[in-house]
Amino acid sequence: MRRITEHQAYMTRTLADACEKDAELDAAVKDAYIKFCVCNWGDTHPDDAKLNDEALTAEAGRIVAKYKMPAGSPDDLFIIMTFDEPSLHANAATIMFCSDY
């Protein structure tokens, strides 16, 4: 199974504040992040999922994934990662609401 390893993960303040107030949202964000780390692109458009796979193969570029959040959540979730160097060791992942982007 492919995995994305050895990277830093960051969350926007808006999302962090929302997760502090909503345990269901917090669990959904953690679940989405686990999916992301095993290259499950969630609710990402198929064309973008293909680009994600190509970025992994090329070991360069960016990965953008979208995950639906529970009903009542302020927004769906984006996770964006960029590669710093040619390896599967990415620089950083940013987890945010779509509206934070």
N, C-alpha and C. Protein backbone atom coordinates (compact mmCIF):
# COMPACT_ATOMS: atom_id res chain seq x y z
N MET A 1 0.84 -1.18 0.00
CA MET A 1 0.00 0.00 0.00
C MET A 1 0.89 1.25 0.00
N ARG A 2 0.56 2.18 -0.87
CA ARG A 2 1.30 3.45 -0.90
C ARG A 2 0.98 4.27 0.34
N ARG A 3 1.97 4.99 0.79
CA ARG A 3 1.79 5.87 1.95
C ARG A 3 2.58 7.15 1.73
N ILE A 4 2.05 8.20 2.31
CA ILE A 4 2.77 9.47 2.36
C ILE A 4 3.32 9.57 3.77
N THR A 5 4.65 9.67 3.89
CA THR A 5 5.27 9.66 5.21
C THR A 5 6.18 10.86 5.41
N GLU A 6 6.62 11.00 6.64
CA GLU A 6 7.63 11.98 7.02
C GLU A 6 7.35 13.39 6.50
N HIS A 7 6.28 13.96 6.98
CA HIS A 7 5.96 15.33 6.64
C HIS A 7 5.37 16.02 7.86
N GLN A 8 5.35 17.30 7.81
CA GLN A 8 4.71 18.10 8.86
C GLN A 8 3.27 18.36 8.43
N ALA A 9 2.36 18.33 9.37
CA ALA A 9 0.96 18.64 9.08
C ALA A 9 0.55 19.87 9.87
N TYR A 10 -0.13 20.77 9.20
CA TYR A 10 -0.58 22.01 9.82
C TYR A 10 -2.08 22.17 9.56
N MET A 11 -2.75 22.84 10.49
CA MET A 11 -4.19 23.07 10.37
C MET A 11 -4.43 24.57 10.50
N THR A 12 -5.34 25.10 9.69
CA THR A 12 -5.65 26.51 9.82
C THR A 12 -6.33 26.78 11.16
N ARG A 13 -6.21 27.99 11.64
CA ARG A 13 -6.82 28.38 12.92
C ARG A 13 -8.33 28.19 12.87
N THR A 14 -8.95 28.52 11.75
CA THR A 14 -10.41 28.38 11.62
C THR A 14 -10.83 26.93 11.86
N LEU A 15 -10.12 26.00 11.22
CA LEU A 15 -10.44 24.58 11.38
C LEU A 15 -10.13 24.10 12.79
N ALA A 16 -8.98 24.50 13.33
CA ALA A 16 -8.61 24.09 14.69
C ALA A 16 -9.65 24.54 15.71
N ASP A 17 -10.10 25.79 15.58
CA ASP A 17 -11.13 26.30 16.50
C ASP A 17 -12.43 25.51 16.37
N ALA A 18 -12.82 25.18 15.14
CA ALA A 18 -14.06 24.42 14.92
C ALA A 18 -13.93 23.01 15.51
N CYS A 19 -12.76 22.39 15.36
CA CYS A 19 -12.55 21.03 15.89
C CYS A 19 -12.59 21.02 17.42
N GLU A 20 -12.09 22.10 18.03
CA GLU A 20 -12.14 22.21 19.49
C GLU A 20 -13.56 22.20 20.02
N LYS A 21 -14.47 22.75 19.24
CA LYS A 21 -15.87 22.89 19.67
C LYS A 21 -16.74 21.71 19.26
N ASP A 22 -16.27 20.86 18.34
CA ASP A 22 -17.12 19.81 17.75
C ASP A 22 -16.35 18.50 17.64
N ALA A 23 -16.62 17.58 18.55
CA ALA A 23 -15.90 16.30 18.59
C ALA A 23 -16.14 15.47 17.32
N GLU A 24 -17.34 15.54 16.75
CA GLU A 24 -17.64 14.80 15.53
C GLU A 24 -16.80 15.32 14.37
N LEU A 25 -16.70 16.63 14.25
CA LEU A 25 -15.87 17.23 13.22
C LEU A 25 -14.41 16.85 13.44
N ASP A 26 -13.94 16.94 14.67
CA ASP A 26 -12.56 16.59 15.00
C ASP A 26 -12.25 15.16 14.55
N ALA A 27 -13.14 14.22 14.84
CA ALA A 27 -12.94 12.82 14.44
C ALA A 27 -12.95 12.68 12.92
N ALA A 28 -13.82 13.42 12.25
CA ALA A 28 -13.90 13.35 10.78
C ALA A 28 -12.62 13.89 10.14
N VAL A 29 -12.07 14.96 10.71
CA VAL A 29 -10.82 15.53 10.20
C VAL A 29 -9.68 14.53 10.37
N LYS A 30 -9.60 13.90 11.52
CA LYS A 30 -8.56 12.89 11.76
C LYS A 30 -8.71 11.72 10.79
N ASP A 31 -9.94 11.29 10.55
CA ASP A 31 -10.20 10.19 9.61
C ASP A 31 -9.77 10.59 8.19
N ALA A 32 -10.09 11.81 7.78
CA ALA A 32 -9.70 12.28 6.45
C ALA A 32 -8.18 12.32 6.32
N TYR A 33 -7.51 12.76 7.35
CA TYR A 33 -6.05 12.84 7.30
C TYR A 33 -5.42 11.45 7.19
N ILE A 34 -5.97 10.49 7.90
CA ILE A 34 -5.48 9.10 7.80
C ILE A 34 -5.69 8.59 6.37
N LYS A 35 -6.85 8.86 5.79
CA LYS A 35 -7.11 8.46 4.40
C LYS A 35 -6.09 9.10 3.47
N PHE A 36 -5.82 10.38 3.68
CA PHE A 36 -4.87 11.10 2.85
C PHE A 36 -3.49 10.43 2.90
N CYS A 37 -3.07 10.06 4.09
CA CYS A 37 -1.73 9.47 4.26
C CYS A 37 -1.59 8.10 3.59
N VAL A 38 -2.70 7.43 3.29
CA VAL A 38 -2.63 6.16 2.56
C VAL A 38 -3.13 6.33 1.13
N CYS A 39 -3.10 7.58 0.65
CA CYS A 39 -3.40 7.92 -0.75
C CYS A 39 -4.84 7.62 -1.15
N ASN A 40 -5.75 7.72 -0.20
CA ASN A 40 -7.18 7.67 -0.49
C ASN A 40 -7.61 9.13 -0.62
N TRP A 41 -7.96 9.53 -1.83
CA TRP A 41 -8.21 10.95 -2.11
C TRP A 41 -9.63 11.39 -1.79
N GLY A 42 -10.40 10.57 -1.13
CA GLY A 42 -11.72 10.96 -0.64
C GLY A 42 -12.67 11.38 -1.74
N ASP A 43 -13.19 12.59 -1.63
CA ASP A 43 -14.20 13.11 -2.55
C ASP A 43 -13.60 14.02 -3.62
N THR A 44 -12.33 13.81 -3.89
CA THR A 44 -11.63 14.59 -4.90
C THR A 44 -12.13 14.23 -6.30
N HIS A 45 -12.26 15.22 -7.16
CA HIS A 45 -12.67 14.98 -8.54
C HIS A 45 -11.70 13.97 -9.18
N PRO A 46 -12.21 13.03 -9.99
CA PRO A 46 -11.33 12.01 -10.59
C PRO A 46 -10.13 12.58 -11.36
N ASP A 47 -10.31 13.69 -12.05
CA ASP A 47 -9.18 14.30 -12.78
C ASP A 47 -8.09 14.75 -11.81
N ASP A 48 -8.49 15.33 -10.67
CA ASP A 48 -7.52 15.77 -9.68
C ASP A 48 -6.88 14.58 -8.97
N ALA A 49 -7.66 13.52 -8.74
CA ALA A 49 -7.10 12.30 -8.13
C ALA A 49 -6.01 11.72 -9.03
N LYS A 50 -6.24 11.76 -10.34
CA LYS A 50 -5.23 11.28 -11.28
C LYS A 50 -3.96 12.13 -11.19
N LEU A 51 -4.13 13.45 -11.09
CA LEU A 51 -2.97 14.33 -10.93
C LEU A 51 -2.22 14.04 -9.63
N ASN A 52 -2.96 13.72 -8.58
CA ASN A 52 -2.33 13.35 -7.31
C ASN A 52 -1.46 12.11 -7.49
N ASP A 53 -2.01 11.11 -8.16
CA ASP A 53 -1.24 9.87 -8.40
C ASP A 53 0.00 10.15 -9.24
N GLU A 54 -0.14 11.03 -10.24
CA GLU A 54 1.01 11.39 -11.07
C GLU A 54 2.08 12.13 -10.25
N ALA A 55 1.65 12.98 -9.32
CA ALA A 55 2.61 13.69 -8.46
C ALA A 55 3.38 12.71 -7.60
N LEU A 56 2.70 11.68 -7.11
CA LEU A 56 3.39 10.66 -6.32
C LEU A 56 4.39 9.90 -7.18
N THR A 57 3.99 9.55 -8.37
CA THR A 57 4.88 8.80 -9.27
C THR A 57 6.09 9.65 -9.65
N ALA A 58 5.87 10.92 -9.95
CA ALA A 58 6.95 11.82 -10.34
C ALA A 58 7.76 12.29 -9.14
N GLU A 59 7.20 12.10 -7.94
CA GLU A 59 7.82 12.59 -6.71
C GLU A 59 8.07 14.09 -6.78
N ALA A 60 7.10 14.79 -7.35
CA ALA A 60 7.20 16.25 -7.48
C ALA A 60 5.80 16.82 -7.67
N GLY A 61 5.64 18.09 -7.37
CA GLY A 61 4.36 18.74 -7.61
C GLY A 61 3.58 18.92 -6.33
N ARG A 62 2.26 18.85 -6.47
CA ARG A 62 1.40 19.03 -5.31
C ARG A 62 0.29 18.00 -5.33
N ILE A 63 -0.29 17.79 -4.18
CA ILE A 63 -1.44 16.90 -4.02
C ILE A 63 -2.53 17.72 -3.36
N VAL A 64 -3.72 17.66 -3.91
CA VAL A 64 -4.88 18.32 -3.32
C VAL A 64 -5.98 17.28 -3.19
N ALA A 65 -6.50 17.13 -2.01
CA ALA A 65 -7.59 16.17 -1.79
C ALA A 65 -8.73 16.86 -1.07
N LYS A 66 -9.94 16.40 -1.36
CA LYS A 66 -11.14 16.98 -0.75
C LYS A 66 -11.90 15.88 -0.03
N TYR A 67 -12.41 16.20 1.13
CA TYR A 67 -13.17 15.25 1.94
C TYR A 67 -14.43 15.92 2.45
N LYS A 68 -15.55 15.25 2.32
CA LYS A 68 -16.81 15.78 2.85
C LYS A 68 -16.80 15.63 4.36
N MET A 69 -17.29 16.65 5.03
CA MET A 69 -17.37 16.65 6.48
C MET A 69 -18.81 16.37 6.91
N PRO A 70 -19.02 16.03 8.18
CA PRO A 70 -20.36 15.68 8.65
C PRO A 70 -21.37 16.81 8.44
N ALA A 71 -22.63 16.44 8.35
CA ALA A 71 -23.70 17.44 8.24
C ALA A 71 -23.59 18.41 9.41
N GLY A 72 -23.80 19.66 9.13
CA GLY A 72 -23.70 20.68 10.17
C GLY A 72 -22.32 21.30 10.28
N SER A 73 -21.33 20.72 9.62
CA SER A 73 -19.98 21.30 9.63
C SER A 73 -19.99 22.57 8.79
N PRO A 74 -19.13 23.53 9.12
CA PRO A 74 -19.12 24.78 8.36
C PRO A 74 -18.77 24.60 6.89
N ASP A 75 -17.99 23.58 6.54
CA ASP A 75 -17.53 23.43 5.17
C ASP A 75 -16.89 22.06 5.01
N ASP A 76 -16.62 21.67 3.75
CA ASP A 76 -15.84 20.47 3.50
C ASP A 76 -14.37 20.78 3.73
N LEU A 77 -13.54 19.77 3.58
CA LEU A 77 -12.13 19.86 3.96
C LEU A 77 -11.22 19.70 2.76
N PHE A 78 -10.17 20.49 2.72
CA PHE A 78 -9.08 20.34 1.76
C PHE A 78 -7.82 19.93 2.52
N ILE A 79 -7.03 19.07 1.91
CA ILE A 79 -5.67 18.83 2.37
C ILE A 79 -4.76 19.06 1.17
N ILE A 80 -3.79 19.92 1.34
CA ILE A 80 -2.89 20.26 0.25
C ILE A 80 -1.47 19.96 0.69
N MET A 81 -0.72 19.28 -0.17
CA MET A 81 0.66 18.96 0.14
C MET A 81 1.54 19.32 -1.04
N THR A 82 2.69 19.84 -0.75
CA THR A 82 3.66 20.12 -1.81
C THR A 82 4.93 19.33 -1.54
N PHE A 83 5.59 18.94 -2.62
CA PHE A 83 6.84 18.21 -2.49
C PHE A 83 7.99 19.18 -2.61
N ASP A 84 8.91 19.06 -1.69
CA ASP A 84 10.04 19.95 -1.58
C ASP A 84 11.22 19.46 -2.42
N GLU A 85 11.31 18.18 -2.61
CA GLU A 85 12.43 17.57 -3.30
C GLU A 85 11.95 16.28 -3.95
N PRO A 86 12.70 15.73 -4.86
CA PRO A 86 12.26 14.50 -5.50
C PRO A 86 12.35 13.29 -4.57
N SER A 87 11.34 13.10 -3.79
CA SER A 87 11.21 11.91 -2.94
C SER A 87 9.77 11.89 -2.44
N LEU A 88 9.36 10.80 -1.86
CA LEU A 88 8.01 10.76 -1.28
C LEU A 88 7.97 11.44 0.08
N HIS A 89 9.07 12.01 0.49
CA HIS A 89 9.10 12.74 1.74
C HIS A 89 8.68 14.17 1.45
N ALA A 90 7.43 14.43 1.66
CA ALA A 90 6.88 15.74 1.34
C ALA A 90 7.28 16.77 2.38
N ASN A 91 7.18 17.98 2.00
CA ASN A 91 7.52 19.09 2.87
C ASN A 91 6.45 19.28 3.95
N ALA A 92 5.23 19.56 3.55
CA ALA A 92 4.18 19.86 4.53
C ALA A 92 2.80 19.62 3.95
N ALA A 93 1.89 19.28 4.83
CA ALA A 93 0.48 19.15 4.47
C ALA A 93 -0.28 20.21 5.26
N THR A 94 -1.18 20.90 4.58
CA THR A 94 -2.02 21.89 5.23
C THR A 94 -3.46 21.40 5.17
N ILE A 95 -4.10 21.35 6.32
CA ILE A 95 -5.48 20.88 6.43
C ILE A 95 -6.34 22.10 6.70
N MET A 96 -7.38 22.27 5.90
CA MET A 96 -8.19 23.48 6.01
C MET A 96 -9.60 23.25 5.49
N PHE A 97 -10.50 24.14 5.88
CA PHE A 97 -11.80 24.18 5.24
C PHE A 97 -11.60 24.68 3.82
N CYS A 98 -12.47 24.25 2.91
CA CYS A 98 -12.39 24.74 1.53
C CYS A 98 -12.46 26.26 1.50
N SER A 99 -13.28 26.84 2.37
CA SER A 99 -13.44 28.30 2.40
C SER A 99 -12.19 29.01 2.92
N ASP A 100 -11.26 28.30 3.56
CA ASP A 100 -10.00 28.90 4.00
C ASP A 100 -9.03 29.09 2.85
N TYR A 101 -9.28 28.39 1.75
CA TYR A 101 -8.33 28.38 0.63
C TYR A 101 -8.43 29.63 -0.15
